[in-house]
Amino acid sequence: MDVLSIIKKDHDQICCLLDSLSSGMSLEDFHSILPPLSAALSDLMRFEAEYLFPEVQDLFVGSEQFIGNALKNQKKILDDLEQLRSVMRSKDGGSGIKTAILDMVRLVRAHIDDQRDLLIPRIRKLIPTQEREDLGEVFIESKQEIRATAAIL
């Protein structure tokens, strides 16, 4: 399967979860949405950092800067997720949590929008279909490996 199809599907899944967070959810709703959102973001971002970004680092002018910014955004998103997980574990539903959630939602949407607008069209244009399909297989295998490792822990 073409890696772009897989990424689009993951983006759509993440955006659906983000829509739930953005539409007046309660802290209980957030508590139920956080695990699948966290897993989907972690899977996608790990694949991007370990496989996708190295594959495209020299693909187009400005790719190094794009990837550098994307990696900074990933770090911020993953740090925010960990903070939110920590708050949820402590059952502290402080007044700032909803603001923190909405800030994270905005950051994730910006990350996805950058990929949809800037990276994906360039990949589609510059990487042959067979290579994209091979990369898709790597993505599927990496997800399975991540999930198998998580199940053991």
Protein backbone atom coordinates (compact mmCIF):
# COMPACT_ATOMS: atom_id res chain seq x y z
CA MET A 1 0.00 0.00 0.00
CA ASP A 2 1.29 3.47 -0.88
CA VAL A 3 2.72 5.25 2.18
CA LEU A 4 0.75 8.37 1.29
CA SER A 5 -2.52 6.45 1.58
CA ILE A 6 -1.49 5.17 5.00
CA ILE A 7 -0.43 8.61 6.18
CA LYS A 8 -3.69 10.13 4.92
CA LYS A 9 -5.68 7.47 6.79
CA ASP A 10 -3.70 8.14 9.98
CA HIS A 11 -4.14 11.90 9.56
CA ASP A 12 -7.89 11.42 9.11
CA GLN A 13 -8.08 9.23 12.24
CA ILE A 14 -6.12 11.77 14.28
CA CYS A 15 -8.24 14.67 12.98
CA CYS A 16 -11.42 12.80 13.94
CA LEU A 17 -10.10 12.41 17.49
CA LEU A 18 -9.05 16.08 17.53
CA ASP A 19 -12.55 17.09 16.41
CA SER A 20 -13.90 15.27 19.44
CA LEU A 21 -11.55 17.20 21.69
CA SER A 22 -12.41 20.54 20.13
CA SER A 23 -16.16 20.20 20.49
CA GLY A 24 -16.90 20.93 24.14
CA MET A 25 -15.72 17.68 25.64
CA SER A 26 -15.66 16.93 29.33
CA LEU A 27 -12.55 15.80 31.17
CA GLU A 28 -14.02 12.28 31.24
CA ASP A 29 -14.34 12.40 27.44
CA PHE A 30 -10.75 13.55 27.17
CA HIS A 31 -9.65 10.73 29.45
CA SER A 32 -11.22 8.20 27.05
CA ILE A 33 -9.83 9.87 23.92
CA LEU A 34 -6.27 10.37 25.17
CA PRO A 35 -5.06 6.73 24.82
CA PRO A 36 -6.06 6.23 21.15
CA LEU A 37 -4.90 9.76 20.25
CA SER A 38 -1.60 9.23 21.99
CA ALA A 39 -1.06 5.86 20.28
CA ALA A 40 -1.94 7.21 16.82
CA LEU A 41 0.33 10.24 17.21
CA SER A 42 3.18 8.19 18.64
CA ASP A 43 2.99 5.64 15.81
CA LEU A 44 2.88 8.31 13.12
CA MET A 45 5.60 10.49 14.58
CA ARG A 46 7.94 7.59 15.20
CA PHE A 47 7.52 6.46 11.60
CA GLU A 48 8.09 10.01 10.33
CA ALA A 49 11.26 10.48 12.37
CA GLU A 50 12.78 7.05 11.75
CA TYR A 51 11.76 6.35 8.15
CA LEU A 52 9.90 9.08 6.27
CA PHE A 53 12.03 12.13 7.06
CA PRO A 54 15.35 10.39 6.34
CA GLU A 55 13.87 9.22 3.02
CA VAL A 56 12.95 12.77 1.94
CA GLN A 57 15.71 14.81 3.58
CA ASP A 58 17.36 15.64 0.25
CA LEU A 59 14.26 15.38 -1.91
CA PHE A 60 13.52 19.07 -2.45
CA VAL A 61 14.95 22.51 -1.77
CA GLY A 62 14.16 23.43 1.81
CA SER A 63 13.50 19.85 2.91
CA GLU A 64 16.10 20.04 5.69
CA GLN A 65 14.44 23.12 7.18
CA PHE A 66 10.99 21.56 6.81
CA ILE A 67 12.13 18.38 8.55
CA GLY A 68 13.89 20.34 11.31
CA ASN A 69 10.69 22.28 12.03
CA ALA A 70 8.59 19.11 11.86
CA LEU A 71 10.87 17.35 14.36
CA LYS A 72 10.63 20.34 16.74
CA ASN A 73 6.84 20.23 16.43
CA GLN A 74 6.87 16.48 17.10
CA LYS A 75 8.90 16.97 20.26
CA LYS A 76 6.52 19.66 21.49
CA ILE A 77 3.45 17.53 20.70
CA LEU A 78 4.88 14.45 22.42
CA ASP A 79 5.96 16.53 25.44
CA ASP A 80 2.46 18.05 25.64
CA LEU A 81 0.90 14.59 25.42
CA GLU A 82 3.08 13.34 28.25
CA GLN A 83 2.14 16.33 30.41
CA LEU A 84 -1.54 15.73 29.71
CA ARG A 85 -1.15 12.03 30.54
CA SER A 86 0.52 13.00 33.81
CA VAL A 87 -2.29 15.39 34.72
CA MET A 88 -4.91 12.77 33.88
CA ARG A 89 -3.14 10.15 36.01
CA SER A 90 -3.11 12.56 38.95
CA LYS A 91 -6.83 13.24 38.44
CA ASP A 92 -6.06 16.96 38.63
CA GLY A 93 -8.63 18.60 36.39
CA GLY A 94 -7.21 22.07 36.93
CA SER A 95 -8.56 25.04 35.04
CA GLY A 96 -5.59 25.10 32.70
CA ILE A 97 -6.10 21.60 31.34
CA LYS A 98 -8.69 22.57 28.75
CA THR A 99 -6.43 25.35 27.47
CA ALA A 100 -3.51 22.90 27.31
CA ILE A 101 -5.66 20.44 25.37
CA LEU A 102 -6.75 23.08 22.86
CA ASP A 103 -3.15 24.28 22.44
CA MET A 104 -2.06 20.71 21.70
CA VAL A 105 -4.94 20.31 19.22
CA ARG A 106 -3.82 23.44 17.36
CA LEU A 107 -0.22 22.24 17.25
CA VAL A 108 -1.16 18.78 15.94
CA ARG A 109 -3.44 20.30 13.28
CA ALA A 110 -0.65 22.63 12.15
CA HIS A 111 1.74 19.65 11.93
CA ILE A 112 -0.74 17.68 9.82
CA ASP A 113 -1.60 20.70 7.64
CA ASP A 114 2.09 21.29 6.91
CA GLN A 115 2.47 17.71 5.79
CA ARG A 116 -0.70 17.75 3.70
CA ASP A 117 0.13 21.08 2.06
CA LEU A 118 3.91 20.89 1.68
CA LEU A 119 5.35 17.42 2.11
CA ILE A 120 2.81 14.98 0.69
CA PRO A 121 2.45 16.69 -2.72
CA ARG A 122 6.24 16.70 -3.11
CA ILE A 123 6.51 13.05 -2.15
CA ARG A 124 3.77 12.17 -4.63
CA LYS A 125 5.59 14.08 -7.38
CA LEU A 126 9.19 13.09 -6.65
CA ILE A 127 9.12 9.53 -5.28
CA PRO A 128 8.07 6.77 -7.70
CA THR A 129 4.98 4.74 -6.83
CA GLN A 130 6.92 1.51 -6.16
CA GLU A 131 9.20 3.26 -3.66
CA ARG A 132 6.15 4.77 -1.94
CA GLU A 133 4.58 1.32 -1.74
CA ASP A 134 7.80 -0.13 -0.29
CA LEU A 135 7.84 2.65 2.29
CA GLY A 136 4.19 1.86 3.06
CA GLU A 137 5.16 -1.72 3.88
CA VAL A 138 7.87 -0.42 6.20
CA PHE A 139 5.27 1.79 7.89
CA ILE A 140 2.89 -1.13 8.44
CA GLU A 141 5.71 -3.29 9.83
CA SER A 142 6.92 -0.50 12.13
CA LYS A 143 3.40 -0.03 13.53
CA GLN A 144 3.15 -3.76 14.22
CA GLU A 145 6.54 -3.71 15.92
CA ILE A 146 5.59 -0.71 18.07
CA ARG A 147 2.34 -2.35 19.14
CA ALA A 148 4.04 -5.68 19.88
CA THR A 149 6.65 -3.91 22.01
CA ALA A 150 3.96 -1.92 23.83
CA ALA A 151 2.00 -5.12 24.53
CA ILE A 152 5.05 -6.68 26.18
CA LEU A 153 5.59 -3.66 28.44
